[in-house]
């Protein structure tokens, strides 16, 4: 097995929304905001190569939304999904599985492209199976008013229409060497892929802990549907990761890819920070 970081670009989100009730005087020391109170975040995905499988975990925001939509998020940087795959010698058609942690637009927007010739939405990964937690799928296609803006129907329904959708019912093992933890604070039934890699356990943090700056328990996004549940899930997951020496992989941290944890009087905190490529 080999793991690769797939950087799909940078975007900006409101710092207050990203840190919830934590005051700016605290979070701005960790993630500096611009004049509009926006902080820069990555959309870092993970590519798993094992045997004849090429598994992509999440795929960024995509490029099919209109300028008005994209203008809200200030996309920048030189990386794209295609350029990152191509740099490794891969193409979207090589992907055999797309594992989506959840269906918020910045995690699944790259799943679908708009065919301007045929004037229709199509799968961006023609040879892949899309794996999604069934209870999260039903949550996303029938969104509540608060979360509706994060679930764009053009990112979601064409997956089903393609015939490539595989809904799963919370299996412990999703694919060989890829297990799953399921969490419910950020959104219903988000998957945290847990990968056995080079005698290590690597946990893809998705939006449970978007960055190293979110490791303190109260640092919870205002986007979360059930913040107190997130608090409990973070506490349990980070403690387990600390005790069992897991590697954490961060999807939204623009500076840091991976870290391990150590126990402190304030709870689990960063021990070592390193790039994915350095794991031996």
Protein backbone atom coordinates (compact mmCIF):
# COMPACT_ATOMS: atom_id res chain seq x y z
CA UNK A 1 0.00 0.00 0.00
CA UNK A 2 1.02 3.57 -0.69
CA UNK A 3 -0.67 6.76 0.50
CA UNK A 4 -0.50 10.13 -1.27
CA UNK A 5 -1.73 13.58 -0.29
CA UNK A 6 -3.95 15.05 -2.98
CA UNK A 7 -4.11 18.82 -2.67
CA UNK A 8 -7.13 20.25 -4.50
CA UNK A 9 -6.62 23.92 -3.66
CA UNK A 10 -7.05 26.45 -0.88
CA UNK A 11 -10.12 28.38 0.15
CA UNK A 12 -11.20 30.85 2.81
CA UNK A 13 -13.82 30.59 5.53
CA UNK A 14 -14.84 32.93 8.31
CA UNK A 15 -12.60 32.44 11.33
CA UNK A 16 -15.44 32.84 13.79
CA UNK A 17 -17.46 30.15 12.04
CA UNK A 18 -14.45 27.84 12.07
CA UNK A 19 -13.89 28.21 15.81
CA UNK A 20 -17.41 28.65 17.16
CA UNK A 21 -17.58 30.06 20.69
CA UNK A 22 -13.79 30.47 21.02
CA UNK A 23 -12.93 34.20 20.97
CA UNK A 24 -10.84 35.63 18.16
CA UNK A 25 -8.16 36.74 20.63
CA UNK A 26 -7.38 33.04 21.08
CA UNK A 27 -7.88 31.48 17.65
CA UNK A 28 -6.25 34.35 15.71
CA UNK A 29 -2.94 33.42 17.31
CA UNK A 30 -3.23 30.02 15.64
CA UNK A 31 -4.91 30.87 12.33
CA UNK A 32 -4.46 34.50 11.37
CA UNK A 33 -7.44 36.18 9.73
CA UNK A 34 -7.39 38.70 6.89
CA UNK A 35 -9.16 42.07 6.88
CA UNK A 36 -12.47 40.28 6.21
CA UNK A 37 -12.01 37.90 9.15
CA UNK A 38 -11.32 35.03 6.74
CA UNK A 39 -8.73 32.30 7.32
CA UNK A 40 -7.09 30.09 4.69
CA UNK A 41 -7.83 26.36 4.69
CA UNK A 42 -6.78 23.45 2.53
CA UNK A 43 -8.93 20.87 0.80
CA UNK A 44 -6.47 18.01 1.18
CA UNK A 45 -7.66 14.60 0.10
CA UNK A 46 -6.04 11.19 0.39
CA UNK A 47 -5.22 8.68 -2.32
CA UNK A 48 -4.79 5.02 -1.32
CA UNK A 49 -3.05 2.71 -3.77
CA UNK A 50 -3.23 -0.98 -2.94
CA UNK A 51 -3.20 -3.88 -5.36
CA UNK A 52 -5.48 -3.03 -8.28
CA UNK A 53 -7.43 -0.51 -6.23
CA UNK A 54 -6.96 3.25 -6.34
CA UNK A 55 -9.11 4.79 -3.63
CA UNK A 56 -9.69 8.53 -3.32
CA UNK A 57 -10.97 9.82 0.01
CA UNK A 58 -12.93 13.05 -0.60
CA UNK A 59 -12.29 15.22 -3.66
CA UNK A 60 -12.55 18.92 -2.82
CA UNK A 61 -14.91 21.59 -4.07
CA UNK A 62 -14.70 20.89 -7.82
CA UNK A 63 -14.94 23.59 -10.49
CA UNK A 64 -18.51 23.49 -11.81
CA UNK A 65 -20.08 26.11 -9.52
CA UNK A 66 -20.66 29.60 -10.88
CA UNK A 67 -18.47 32.62 -10.18
CA UNK A 68 -20.86 33.99 -7.57
CA UNK A 69 -20.67 30.80 -5.52
CA UNK A 70 -16.91 30.47 -5.85
CA UNK A 71 -16.52 34.14 -4.95
CA UNK A 72 -17.77 33.43 -1.44
CA UNK A 73 -14.83 31.10 -0.79
CA UNK A 74 -11.86 32.84 -2.45
CA UNK A 75 -10.35 29.75 -4.05
CA UNK A 76 -6.62 30.17 -4.57
CA UNK A 77 -3.35 28.29 -4.90
CA UNK A 78 -1.91 26.34 -7.81
CA UNK A 79 -3.15 22.87 -6.84
CA UNK A 80 -6.16 21.17 -8.36
CA UNK A 81 -7.49 17.64 -8.14
CA UNK A 82 -6.36 16.87 -11.68
CA UNK A 83 -2.91 18.43 -11.33
CA UNK A 84 -2.25 16.55 -8.09
CA UNK A 85 -3.33 13.24 -9.61
CA UNK A 86 -1.37 13.89 -12.81
CA UNK A 87 1.79 14.70 -10.84
CA UNK A 88 1.64 11.14 -9.49
CA UNK A 89 0.99 9.65 -12.92
CA UNK A 90 -2.72 9.09 -12.37
CA UNK A 91 -5.92 10.28 -14.02
CA UNK A 92 -9.48 10.49 -12.71
CA UNK A 93 -10.38 7.50 -14.88
CA UNK A 94 -7.88 5.38 -12.89
CA UNK A 95 -9.80 5.81 -9.62
CA UNK A 96 -11.62 2.59 -8.64
CA UNK A 97 -13.31 3.87 -5.46
CA UNK A 98 -14.29 7.29 -4.15
CA UNK A 99 -14.90 7.16 -0.41
CA UNK A 100 -16.75 10.28 0.75
CA UNK A 101 -16.56 11.17 4.43
CA UNK A 102 -19.71 13.29 4.02
CA UNK A 103 -21.47 15.32 1.36
CA UNK A 104 -20.69 18.94 2.24
CA UNK A 105 -19.66 20.75 -0.94
CA UNK A 106 -15.98 21.18 -0.02
CA UNK A 107 -15.61 17.43 0.40
CA UNK A 108 -17.58 16.04 -2.53
CA UNK A 109 -17.84 18.80 -5.15
CA UNK A 110 -15.19 17.14 -7.31
CA UNK A 111 -17.38 14.05 -7.67
CA UNK A 112 -19.40 15.58 -10.49
CA UNK A 113 -18.50 17.63 -13.55
CA UNK A 114 -20.73 19.52 -15.96
CA UNK A 115 -20.52 18.32 -19.56
CA UNK A 116 -20.99 21.47 -21.62
CA UNK A 117 -21.46 19.52 -24.86
CA UNK A 118 -24.18 17.22 -23.53
CA UNK A 119 -25.41 19.93 -21.12
CA UNK A 120 -25.66 17.61 -18.16
CA UNK A 121 -23.93 16.67 -14.93
CA UNK A 122 -21.74 13.56 -15.06
CA UNK A 123 -19.50 11.51 -12.82
CA UNK A 124 -15.95 12.86 -12.70
CA UNK A 125 -14.71 9.31 -12.02
CA UNK A 126 -16.24 7.09 -14.72
CA UNK A 127 -14.73 3.84 -13.45
CA UNK A 128 -15.20 4.34 -9.72
CA UNK A 129 -17.66 3.16 -7.12
CA UNK A 130 -18.79 5.97 -4.81
CA UNK A 131 -18.98 4.76 -1.20
CA UNK A 132 -21.22 6.77 1.14
CA UNK A 133 -22.73 6.00 4.53
CA UNK A 134 -26.42 5.28 3.91
CA UNK A 135 -27.77 7.23 6.88
CA UNK A 136 -25.70 10.24 5.85
CA UNK A 137 -26.98 9.97 2.27
CA UNK A 138 -30.59 10.17 3.43
CA UNK A 139 -29.68 13.10 5.69
CA UNK A 140 -28.05 14.94 2.79
CA UNK A 141 -30.81 14.45 0.22
CA UNK A 142 -33.42 15.62 2.75
CA UNK A 143 -31.45 18.45 4.38
CA UNK A 144 -32.52 20.53 7.32
CA UNK A 145 -32.79 24.29 6.82
CA UNK A 146 -29.58 25.02 8.74
CA UNK A 147 -27.37 22.64 6.77
CA UNK A 148 -29.09 22.88 3.39
CA UNK A 149 -26.58 25.36 1.94
CA UNK A 150 -23.78 22.79 2.38
CA UNK A 151 -25.61 20.03 0.48
CA UNK A 152 -25.75 21.00 -3.19
CA UNK A 153 -28.04 18.72 -5.17
CA UNK A 154 -25.80 18.94 -8.25
CA UNK A 155 -22.98 17.38 -6.18
CA UNK A 156 -25.14 14.58 -4.82
CA UNK A 157 -28.03 13.39 -6.99
CA UNK A 158 -25.92 12.79 -10.15
CA UNK A 159 -23.89 10.23 -8.17
CA UNK A 160 -27.03 8.15 -7.80
CA UNK A 161 -28.07 8.79 -11.40
CA UNK A 162 -24.69 7.52 -12.61
CA UNK A 163 -25.38 4.05 -11.23
CA UNK A 164 -22.03 4.16 -9.39
CA UNK A 165 -23.39 4.73 -5.88
CA UNK A 166 -22.77 2.18 -3.13
CA UNK A 167 -24.52 2.96 0.15
CA UNK A 168 -23.01 1.25 3.19
CA UNK A 169 -24.56 0.56 6.58
CA UNK A 170 -21.76 1.33 9.01
CA UNK A 171 -19.42 -1.60 8.41
CA UNK A 172 -16.34 -1.69 10.60
CA UNK A 173 -14.20 -2.55 7.54
CA UNK A 174 -15.03 -0.68 4.32
CA UNK A 175 -12.23 -1.95 2.06
CA UNK A 176 -9.10 -4.00 2.76
CA UNK A 177 -6.94 -2.14 5.30
CA UNK A 178 -9.54 0.66 5.55
CA UNK A 179 -11.77 0.60 8.61
CA UNK A 180 -14.12 3.37 9.73
CA UNK A 181 -15.17 5.39 12.72
CA UNK A 182 -18.60 7.06 12.51
CA UNK A 183 -19.33 10.40 14.16
CA UNK A 184 -22.51 12.47 14.43
CA UNK A 185 -21.67 15.88 15.83
CA UNK A 186 -20.60 17.69 12.66
CA UNK A 187 -23.26 16.03 10.51
CA UNK A 188 -25.19 12.78 10.55
CA UNK A 189 -22.99 9.71 10.14
CA UNK A 190 -19.71 11.23 8.94
CA UNK A 191 -17.06 8.60 8.14
CA UNK A 192 -13.53 8.88 9.51
CA UNK A 193 -11.46 6.39 7.47
CA UNK A 194 -8.91 4.52 9.59
CA UNK A 195 -6.11 3.05 7.54
CA UNK A 196 -3.53 0.41 8.43
CA UNK A 197 -0.34 1.69 6.83
CA UNK A 198 3.29 0.65 7.33
CA UNK A 199 2.62 -0.70 10.83
CA UNK A 200 0.79 2.49 11.77
CA UNK A 201 -2.86 3.45 12.12
CA UNK A 202 -3.72 6.64 10.24
CA UNK A 203 -7.01 8.39 10.95
CA UNK A 204 -8.44 10.74 8.32
CA UNK A 205 -9.92 13.48 10.51
CA UNK A 206 -12.37 15.05 7.99
CA UNK A 207 -14.35 17.70 9.90
CA UNK A 208 -14.17 16.22 13.38
CA UNK A 209 -10.84 18.01 13.85
CA UNK A 210 -10.19 20.06 10.69
CA UNK A 211 -6.71 21.23 11.69
CA UNK A 212 -4.05 21.08 14.36
CA UNK A 213 -5.51 24.33 15.69
CA UNK A 214 -8.77 22.50 16.46
CA UNK A 215 -7.23 19.93 18.81
CA UNK A 216 -8.34 21.66 22.07
CA UNK A 217 -11.77 20.26 22.91
CA UNK A 218 -13.74 23.55 22.94
CA UNK A 219 -12.41 24.55 19.51
CA UNK A 220 -15.48 23.34 17.60
CA UNK A 221 -16.85 24.79 14.38
CA UNK A 222 -20.11 26.73 14.37
CA UNK A 223 -21.01 24.62 11.32
CA UNK A 224 -21.47 21.53 13.51
CA UNK A 225 -25.06 20.35 13.91
CA UNK A 226 -24.54 18.92 17.40
CA UNK A 227 -21.57 20.69 19.03
CA UNK A 228 -21.84 18.91 22.37
CA UNK A 229 -21.77 15.57 20.58
CA UNK A 230 -18.71 16.75 18.66
CA UNK A 231 -17.13 17.60 22.02
CA UNK A 232 -17.67 14.06 23.28
CA UNK A 233 -16.58 12.46 20.01
CA UNK A 234 -13.40 14.55 19.88
CA UNK A 235 -12.56 13.70 23.46
CA UNK A 236 -12.96 9.96 22.89
CA UNK A 237 -11.27 9.89 19.48
CA UNK A 238 -8.28 12.04 20.40
CA UNK A 239 -7.71 10.15 23.62
CA UNK A 240 -7.77 6.85 21.77
CA UNK A 241 -5.43 8.23 19.11
CA UNK A 242 -3.08 9.43 21.85
CA UNK A 243 -3.14 6.15 23.77
CA UNK A 244 -2.71 3.98 20.68
CA UNK A 245 -0.18 6.23 18.88
CA UNK A 246 -2.30 6.87 15.80
CA UNK A 247 -1.28 9.30 13.09
CA UNK A 248 -3.85 12.03 12.39
CA UNK A 249 -4.27 13.27 8.81
CA UNK A 250 -5.78 16.75 8.46
CA UNK A 251 -8.01 17.68 5.55
CA UNK A 252 -8.28 21.44 6.15
CA UNK A 253 -4.98 22.41 7.78
CA UNK A 254 -3.18 24.60 5.24
CA UNK A 255 0.19 24.17 6.99
CA UNK A 256 0.24 20.70 8.56
CA UNK A 257 -0.55 17.33 6.99
CA UNK A 258 -0.08 14.87 9.85
CA UNK A 259 0.65 14.71 13.54
CA UNK A 260 0.89 12.38 16.48
CA UNK A 261 -0.34 13.22 19.96
CA UNK A 262 1.01 13.19 23.50
CA UNK A 263 -0.80 13.38 26.80
CA UNK A 264 -0.63 16.70 28.67
CA UNK A 265 -2.43 18.16 31.66
CA UNK A 266 -4.78 19.83 29.16
CA UNK A 267 -5.47 16.57 27.36
CA UNK A 268 -4.01 15.23 24.09
CA UNK A 269 -1.88 17.77 22.27
CA UNK A 270 0.56 17.72 19.36
CA UNK A 271 3.64 15.60 19.79
CA UNK A 272 5.18 15.61 16.30
CA UNK A 273 4.05 17.27 13.04
CA UNK A 274 5.23 15.84 9.72
CA UNK A 275 4.25 15.33 6.07
CA UNK A 276 2.52 12.14 4.99
CA UNK A 277 5.45 11.26 2.74
CA UNK A 278 7.79 10.94 5.73
CA UNK A 279 5.94 7.99 7.28
CA UNK A 280 8.22 4.97 7.24
